[in-house]
N, C-alpha and C. Protein backbone atom coordinates (compact mmCIF):
# COMPACT_ATOMS: atom_id res chain seq x y z
N MET A 1 1.52 -7.68 30.37
CA MET A 1 1.38 -7.66 28.92
C MET A 1 1.65 -6.24 28.40
N GLU A 2 2.47 -6.14 27.38
CA GLU A 2 2.83 -4.83 26.84
C GLU A 2 1.66 -4.21 26.08
N GLU A 3 1.53 -2.89 26.24
CA GLU A 3 0.49 -2.18 25.52
C GLU A 3 0.76 -2.24 24.03
N THR A 4 -0.29 -2.32 23.26
CA THR A 4 -0.13 -2.37 21.81
C THR A 4 -0.76 -1.14 21.17
N ARG A 5 -0.65 0.00 21.83
CA ARG A 5 -1.22 1.21 21.27
C ARG A 5 -0.52 1.54 19.95
N ARG A 6 -1.29 2.11 19.06
CA ARG A 6 -0.83 2.38 17.71
C ARG A 6 -0.16 3.75 17.59
N ILE A 7 0.54 3.93 16.49
CA ILE A 7 1.10 5.21 16.09
C ILE A 7 0.20 5.76 15.00
N LEU A 8 -0.10 7.05 15.06
CA LEU A 8 -0.85 7.70 13.99
C LEU A 8 0.12 8.54 13.18
N LEU A 9 0.22 8.24 11.89
CA LEU A 9 1.04 9.03 10.96
C LEU A 9 0.11 9.93 10.18
N VAL A 10 0.38 11.24 10.21
CA VAL A 10 -0.40 12.21 9.46
C VAL A 10 0.53 12.79 8.40
N GLU A 11 0.41 12.28 7.19
CA GLU A 11 1.34 12.59 6.10
C GLU A 11 0.59 12.53 4.78
N ASP A 12 0.67 13.60 3.99
CA ASP A 12 -0.05 13.61 2.71
C ASP A 12 0.78 13.07 1.55
N ASP A 13 2.10 12.97 1.72
CA ASP A 13 2.97 12.50 0.65
C ASP A 13 3.07 10.97 0.66
N PRO A 14 2.68 10.32 -0.44
CA PRO A 14 2.72 8.84 -0.47
C PRO A 14 4.11 8.27 -0.18
N ASP A 15 5.17 8.91 -0.68
CA ASP A 15 6.52 8.40 -0.41
C ASP A 15 6.85 8.50 1.07
N GLY A 16 6.45 9.60 1.70
CA GLY A 16 6.66 9.75 3.14
C GLY A 16 5.88 8.72 3.93
N GLN A 17 4.66 8.44 3.49
CA GLN A 17 3.83 7.42 4.14
C GLN A 17 4.52 6.07 4.09
N VAL A 18 5.06 5.72 2.92
CA VAL A 18 5.71 4.42 2.74
C VAL A 18 6.95 4.31 3.62
N LEU A 19 7.79 5.34 3.63
CA LEU A 19 9.02 5.29 4.41
C LEU A 19 8.73 5.13 5.89
N VAL A 20 7.86 5.97 6.43
CA VAL A 20 7.58 5.91 7.87
C VAL A 20 6.88 4.60 8.21
N THR A 21 5.99 4.13 7.36
CA THR A 21 5.32 2.85 7.59
C THR A 21 6.34 1.72 7.67
N HIS A 22 7.32 1.72 6.77
CA HIS A 22 8.35 0.67 6.80
C HIS A 22 9.17 0.72 8.09
N VAL A 23 9.54 1.92 8.51
CA VAL A 23 10.32 2.05 9.75
C VAL A 23 9.51 1.54 10.94
N LEU A 24 8.24 1.93 11.01
CA LEU A 24 7.42 1.50 12.15
C LEU A 24 7.14 0.00 12.11
N GLN A 25 6.96 -0.56 10.92
CA GLN A 25 6.79 -2.00 10.82
C GLN A 25 8.05 -2.73 11.27
N TYR A 26 9.21 -2.18 10.91
CA TYR A 26 10.49 -2.75 11.34
C TYR A 26 10.58 -2.76 12.87
N LEU A 27 10.05 -1.68 13.49
CA LEU A 27 10.07 -1.58 14.95
C LEU A 27 8.90 -2.32 15.59
N ASP A 28 8.11 -3.00 14.77
CA ASP A 28 6.95 -3.76 15.23
C ASP A 28 5.93 -2.87 15.94
N MET A 29 5.73 -1.67 15.38
CA MET A 29 4.75 -0.74 15.93
C MET A 29 3.58 -0.63 14.96
N PRO A 30 2.37 -0.95 15.41
CA PRO A 30 1.21 -0.83 14.53
C PRO A 30 0.95 0.63 14.18
N ILE A 31 0.45 0.88 12.98
CA ILE A 31 0.32 2.24 12.49
C ILE A 31 -1.01 2.44 11.77
N ASP A 32 -1.57 3.63 11.92
CA ASP A 32 -2.68 4.10 11.10
C ASP A 32 -2.15 5.30 10.33
N VAL A 33 -2.59 5.47 9.09
CA VAL A 33 -2.12 6.57 8.26
C VAL A 33 -3.29 7.46 7.88
N ALA A 34 -3.13 8.76 8.15
CA ALA A 34 -4.10 9.77 7.74
C ALA A 34 -3.43 10.68 6.73
N GLY A 35 -4.14 11.00 5.65
CA GLY A 35 -3.58 11.84 4.60
C GLY A 35 -3.76 13.33 4.84
N ASP A 36 -4.58 13.69 5.83
CA ASP A 36 -4.79 15.11 6.14
C ASP A 36 -5.26 15.25 7.59
N ALA A 37 -5.37 16.49 8.05
CA ALA A 37 -5.73 16.75 9.44
C ALA A 37 -7.14 16.28 9.78
N GLU A 38 -8.06 16.44 8.85
CA GLU A 38 -9.44 16.04 9.13
C GLU A 38 -9.54 14.53 9.36
N GLN A 39 -8.84 13.76 8.54
CA GLN A 39 -8.83 12.31 8.73
C GLN A 39 -8.15 11.96 10.06
N ALA A 40 -7.09 12.67 10.40
CA ALA A 40 -6.40 12.44 11.67
C ALA A 40 -7.32 12.71 12.85
N LEU A 41 -8.09 13.79 12.78
CA LEU A 41 -9.02 14.12 13.86
C LEU A 41 -10.08 13.03 14.02
N ARG A 42 -10.51 12.45 12.92
CA ARG A 42 -11.47 11.34 13.01
C ARG A 42 -10.83 10.15 13.73
N TYR A 43 -9.59 9.80 13.36
CA TYR A 43 -8.89 8.71 14.04
C TYR A 43 -8.77 9.00 15.54
N LEU A 44 -8.39 10.22 15.89
CA LEU A 44 -8.12 10.56 17.28
C LEU A 44 -9.37 10.68 18.14
N PHE A 45 -10.45 11.25 17.57
CA PHE A 45 -11.60 11.61 18.40
C PHE A 45 -12.88 10.87 18.09
N GLN A 46 -12.92 10.12 17.00
CA GLN A 46 -14.15 9.41 16.66
C GLN A 46 -13.97 7.90 16.64
N THR A 47 -12.85 7.43 17.16
CA THR A 47 -12.64 5.99 17.31
C THR A 47 -12.21 5.73 18.76
N ASP A 48 -12.20 4.48 19.13
CA ASP A 48 -11.75 4.10 20.47
C ASP A 48 -10.28 3.70 20.48
N THR A 49 -9.58 3.97 19.39
CA THR A 49 -8.18 3.60 19.27
C THR A 49 -7.33 4.44 20.21
N ALA A 50 -6.45 3.77 20.95
CA ALA A 50 -5.51 4.47 21.83
C ALA A 50 -4.18 4.58 21.08
N TYR A 51 -3.71 5.79 20.92
CA TYR A 51 -2.43 6.00 20.23
C TYR A 51 -1.33 6.28 21.24
N ARG A 52 -0.13 5.83 20.91
CA ARG A 52 1.02 6.10 21.79
C ARG A 52 1.77 7.33 21.31
N ALA A 53 1.58 7.74 20.04
CA ALA A 53 2.22 8.94 19.51
C ALA A 53 1.58 9.29 18.18
N VAL A 54 1.79 10.56 17.78
CA VAL A 54 1.34 11.04 16.48
C VAL A 54 2.55 11.62 15.76
N ILE A 55 2.77 11.19 14.53
CA ILE A 55 3.82 11.75 13.69
C ILE A 55 3.13 12.67 12.69
N LEU A 56 3.48 13.96 12.74
CA LEU A 56 2.77 14.98 11.97
C LEU A 56 3.66 15.66 10.94
N ASP A 57 3.22 15.65 9.71
CA ASP A 57 3.85 16.50 8.69
C ASP A 57 3.37 17.92 8.99
N LEU A 58 4.29 18.87 9.03
CA LEU A 58 3.89 20.24 9.34
C LEU A 58 3.15 20.91 8.19
N ALA A 59 3.44 20.50 6.95
CA ALA A 59 2.84 21.14 5.78
C ALA A 59 1.79 20.23 5.15
N LEU A 60 0.64 20.15 5.80
CA LEU A 60 -0.47 19.35 5.28
C LEU A 60 -1.40 20.25 4.47
N PRO A 61 -2.16 19.65 3.55
CA PRO A 61 -3.16 20.46 2.84
C PRO A 61 -4.30 20.81 3.80
N GLY A 62 -4.89 21.97 3.62
CA GLY A 62 -5.96 22.40 4.53
C GLY A 62 -5.37 22.80 5.86
N ARG A 63 -5.83 22.18 6.92
CA ARG A 63 -5.27 22.45 8.26
C ARG A 63 -3.88 21.82 8.33
N ASP A 64 -2.90 22.61 8.74
CA ASP A 64 -1.53 22.09 8.75
C ASP A 64 -1.21 21.39 10.08
N GLY A 65 0.01 20.87 10.17
CA GLY A 65 0.44 20.14 11.36
C GLY A 65 0.48 21.00 12.61
N TRP A 66 0.74 22.29 12.46
CA TRP A 66 0.75 23.20 13.61
C TRP A 66 -0.65 23.29 14.21
N GLU A 67 -1.65 23.44 13.34
CA GLU A 67 -3.04 23.53 13.82
C GLU A 67 -3.49 22.22 14.45
N LEU A 68 -3.08 21.11 13.84
CA LEU A 68 -3.44 19.81 14.38
C LEU A 68 -2.80 19.60 15.75
N LEU A 69 -1.56 20.05 15.93
CA LEU A 69 -0.91 19.97 17.23
C LEU A 69 -1.72 20.71 18.28
N THR A 70 -2.21 21.89 17.94
CA THR A 70 -3.04 22.67 18.86
C THR A 70 -4.30 21.90 19.24
N ASP A 71 -4.95 21.27 18.25
CA ASP A 71 -6.14 20.46 18.52
C ASP A 71 -5.82 19.32 19.49
N ILE A 72 -4.70 18.66 19.27
CA ILE A 72 -4.30 17.53 20.10
C ILE A 72 -4.01 18.00 21.53
N GLN A 73 -3.26 19.10 21.65
CA GLN A 73 -2.88 19.61 22.97
C GLN A 73 -4.06 20.15 23.77
N SER A 74 -5.09 20.62 23.07
CA SER A 74 -6.21 21.26 23.77
C SER A 74 -7.34 20.30 24.11
N ASN A 75 -7.19 19.01 23.80
CA ASN A 75 -8.21 18.02 24.12
C ASN A 75 -7.71 17.13 25.26
N ALA A 76 -8.52 16.98 26.29
CA ALA A 76 -8.11 16.20 27.47
C ALA A 76 -7.72 14.76 27.09
N LYS A 77 -8.40 14.19 26.10
CA LYS A 77 -8.13 12.80 25.69
C LYS A 77 -6.73 12.63 25.11
N THR A 78 -6.21 13.69 24.47
CA THR A 78 -4.95 13.57 23.73
C THR A 78 -3.86 14.55 24.19
N ALA A 79 -4.13 15.34 25.20
CA ALA A 79 -3.20 16.41 25.59
C ALA A 79 -1.79 15.91 25.92
N GLN A 80 -1.68 14.70 26.44
CA GLN A 80 -0.37 14.16 26.83
C GLN A 80 0.27 13.30 25.75
N LEU A 81 -0.36 13.22 24.59
CA LEU A 81 0.13 12.38 23.50
C LEU A 81 1.39 12.99 22.88
N PRO A 82 2.51 12.25 22.85
CA PRO A 82 3.70 12.80 22.21
C PRO A 82 3.47 12.98 20.70
N CYS A 83 3.86 14.15 20.21
CA CYS A 83 3.74 14.44 18.78
C CYS A 83 5.13 14.68 18.20
N VAL A 84 5.38 14.11 17.04
CA VAL A 84 6.66 14.21 16.36
C VAL A 84 6.45 14.98 15.07
N ALA A 85 7.23 16.03 14.86
CA ALA A 85 7.12 16.86 13.66
C ALA A 85 8.04 16.34 12.57
N VAL A 86 7.54 16.33 11.34
CA VAL A 86 8.38 16.07 10.16
C VAL A 86 8.07 17.16 9.14
N THR A 87 9.10 17.62 8.45
CA THR A 87 8.87 18.66 7.45
C THR A 87 9.95 18.66 6.38
N ALA A 88 9.55 19.00 5.18
CA ALA A 88 10.49 19.18 4.08
C ALA A 88 11.02 20.61 4.06
N PHE A 89 10.39 21.48 4.83
CA PHE A 89 10.75 22.90 4.84
C PHE A 89 11.58 23.22 6.08
N HIS A 90 12.67 22.47 6.24
CA HIS A 90 13.48 22.55 7.45
C HIS A 90 14.35 23.81 7.49
N THR A 91 14.30 24.46 8.64
CA THR A 91 15.27 25.48 9.03
C THR A 91 15.48 25.32 10.52
N SER A 92 16.57 25.85 11.02
CA SER A 92 16.79 25.76 12.47
C SER A 92 15.71 26.54 13.22
N LYS A 93 15.20 27.61 12.62
CA LYS A 93 14.14 28.38 13.26
C LYS A 93 12.85 27.55 13.38
N ILE A 94 12.51 26.80 12.33
CA ILE A 94 11.31 25.95 12.38
C ILE A 94 11.50 24.86 13.43
N ARG A 95 12.71 24.29 13.50
CA ARG A 95 12.99 23.27 14.53
C ARG A 95 12.75 23.87 15.92
N GLU A 96 13.29 25.04 16.18
CA GLU A 96 13.11 25.70 17.48
C GLU A 96 11.64 25.96 17.76
N GLU A 97 10.92 26.47 16.76
CA GLU A 97 9.49 26.76 16.94
C GLU A 97 8.71 25.49 17.23
N ALA A 98 9.06 24.40 16.55
CA ALA A 98 8.36 23.13 16.75
C ALA A 98 8.58 22.61 18.17
N MET A 99 9.79 22.67 18.64
CA MET A 99 10.08 22.17 19.98
C MET A 99 9.42 23.07 21.04
N ARG A 100 9.42 24.37 20.81
CA ARG A 100 8.77 25.30 21.73
C ARG A 100 7.26 25.10 21.75
N ALA A 101 6.69 24.74 20.59
CA ALA A 101 5.24 24.53 20.48
C ALA A 101 4.78 23.26 21.21
N GLY A 102 5.73 22.37 21.49
CA GLY A 102 5.36 21.17 22.24
C GLY A 102 5.61 19.85 21.53
N PHE A 103 6.24 19.89 20.35
CA PHE A 103 6.58 18.63 19.70
C PHE A 103 7.65 17.92 20.53
N ALA A 104 7.54 16.61 20.64
CA ALA A 104 8.50 15.81 21.41
C ALA A 104 9.78 15.54 20.62
N ALA A 105 9.69 15.61 19.29
CA ALA A 105 10.85 15.38 18.43
C ALA A 105 10.57 16.06 17.09
N TYR A 106 11.64 16.22 16.31
CA TYR A 106 11.55 16.94 15.04
C TYR A 106 12.48 16.26 14.05
N PHE A 107 11.98 16.04 12.82
CA PHE A 107 12.80 15.44 11.77
C PHE A 107 12.63 16.20 10.47
N ALA A 108 13.75 16.50 9.84
CA ALA A 108 13.72 17.13 8.52
C ALA A 108 13.62 16.03 7.47
N LYS A 109 12.88 16.32 6.40
CA LYS A 109 12.82 15.40 5.26
C LYS A 109 13.95 15.73 4.31
N PRO A 110 14.50 14.79 3.59
CA PRO A 110 14.14 13.38 3.66
C PRO A 110 14.61 12.76 4.99
N ILE A 111 13.75 11.94 5.55
CA ILE A 111 14.02 11.32 6.84
C ILE A 111 15.08 10.24 6.69
N ASP A 112 16.05 10.27 7.58
CA ASP A 112 17.05 9.21 7.67
C ASP A 112 16.43 8.09 8.51
N ALA A 113 16.14 6.96 7.88
CA ALA A 113 15.38 5.89 8.53
C ALA A 113 16.04 5.38 9.80
N ILE A 114 17.37 5.29 9.82
CA ILE A 114 18.05 4.73 10.99
C ILE A 114 17.95 5.66 12.18
N SER A 115 18.25 6.95 11.98
CA SER A 115 18.16 7.87 13.13
C SER A 115 16.71 8.07 13.54
N PHE A 116 15.80 8.06 12.58
CA PHE A 116 14.37 8.17 12.89
C PHE A 116 13.93 7.01 13.77
N ALA A 117 14.31 5.79 13.40
CA ALA A 117 13.95 4.60 14.18
C ALA A 117 14.54 4.67 15.58
N ARG A 118 15.81 5.06 15.70
CA ARG A 118 16.45 5.16 17.02
C ARG A 118 15.75 6.17 17.91
N GLU A 119 15.47 7.36 17.36
CA GLU A 119 14.84 8.39 18.18
C GLU A 119 13.41 8.01 18.57
N LEU A 120 12.68 7.37 17.65
CA LEU A 120 11.32 6.93 17.99
C LEU A 120 11.35 5.89 19.11
N GLU A 121 12.27 4.95 19.02
CA GLU A 121 12.38 3.94 20.07
C GLU A 121 12.69 4.60 21.42
N ALA A 122 13.57 5.59 21.42
CA ALA A 122 13.93 6.27 22.66
C ALA A 122 12.73 7.08 23.20
N LEU A 123 11.97 7.67 22.32
CA LEU A 123 10.83 8.49 22.71
C LEU A 123 9.69 7.63 23.28
N LEU A 124 9.50 6.46 22.69
CA LEU A 124 8.37 5.63 23.07
C LEU A 124 8.81 4.50 23.99
C-alpha cells in the first residue's frame, strides 16, 4: 500500500496558497497549509502527521523560510524531510544559496504550474 504522507505548504500569500494547492490536488497529494513559520512548526512538531515534503516561501512574516529550514534540518524527526523553496525575490544568487542551504528544489514566483508539478513528481 502506498504511503499517503502529506505535503506541508508554508505560504503567507493567499494566491500562492491557491496555486500550489491546485497543483498538489491535481497530483493527488494531500496538503496542509500554514500561513507562517509558527503554524508550520506546530504542524511539524505538535501533530502526529507524517509529511513527505515541505514547500517553503522564503519571505514569510516573522521567522522566514531560511530560519524554518534550519529548524527542520536540526530536528531528528524532520532532518531528512525534503524542503522546496519558493520566492518572489528570485536571483541566481538566492537560488545558489537555497540549494547550498539544503533545499531539494527551488522555484521563482510566479510559479509555472506545469514545471512545478513535473519537478515535484520527480522529487517525491
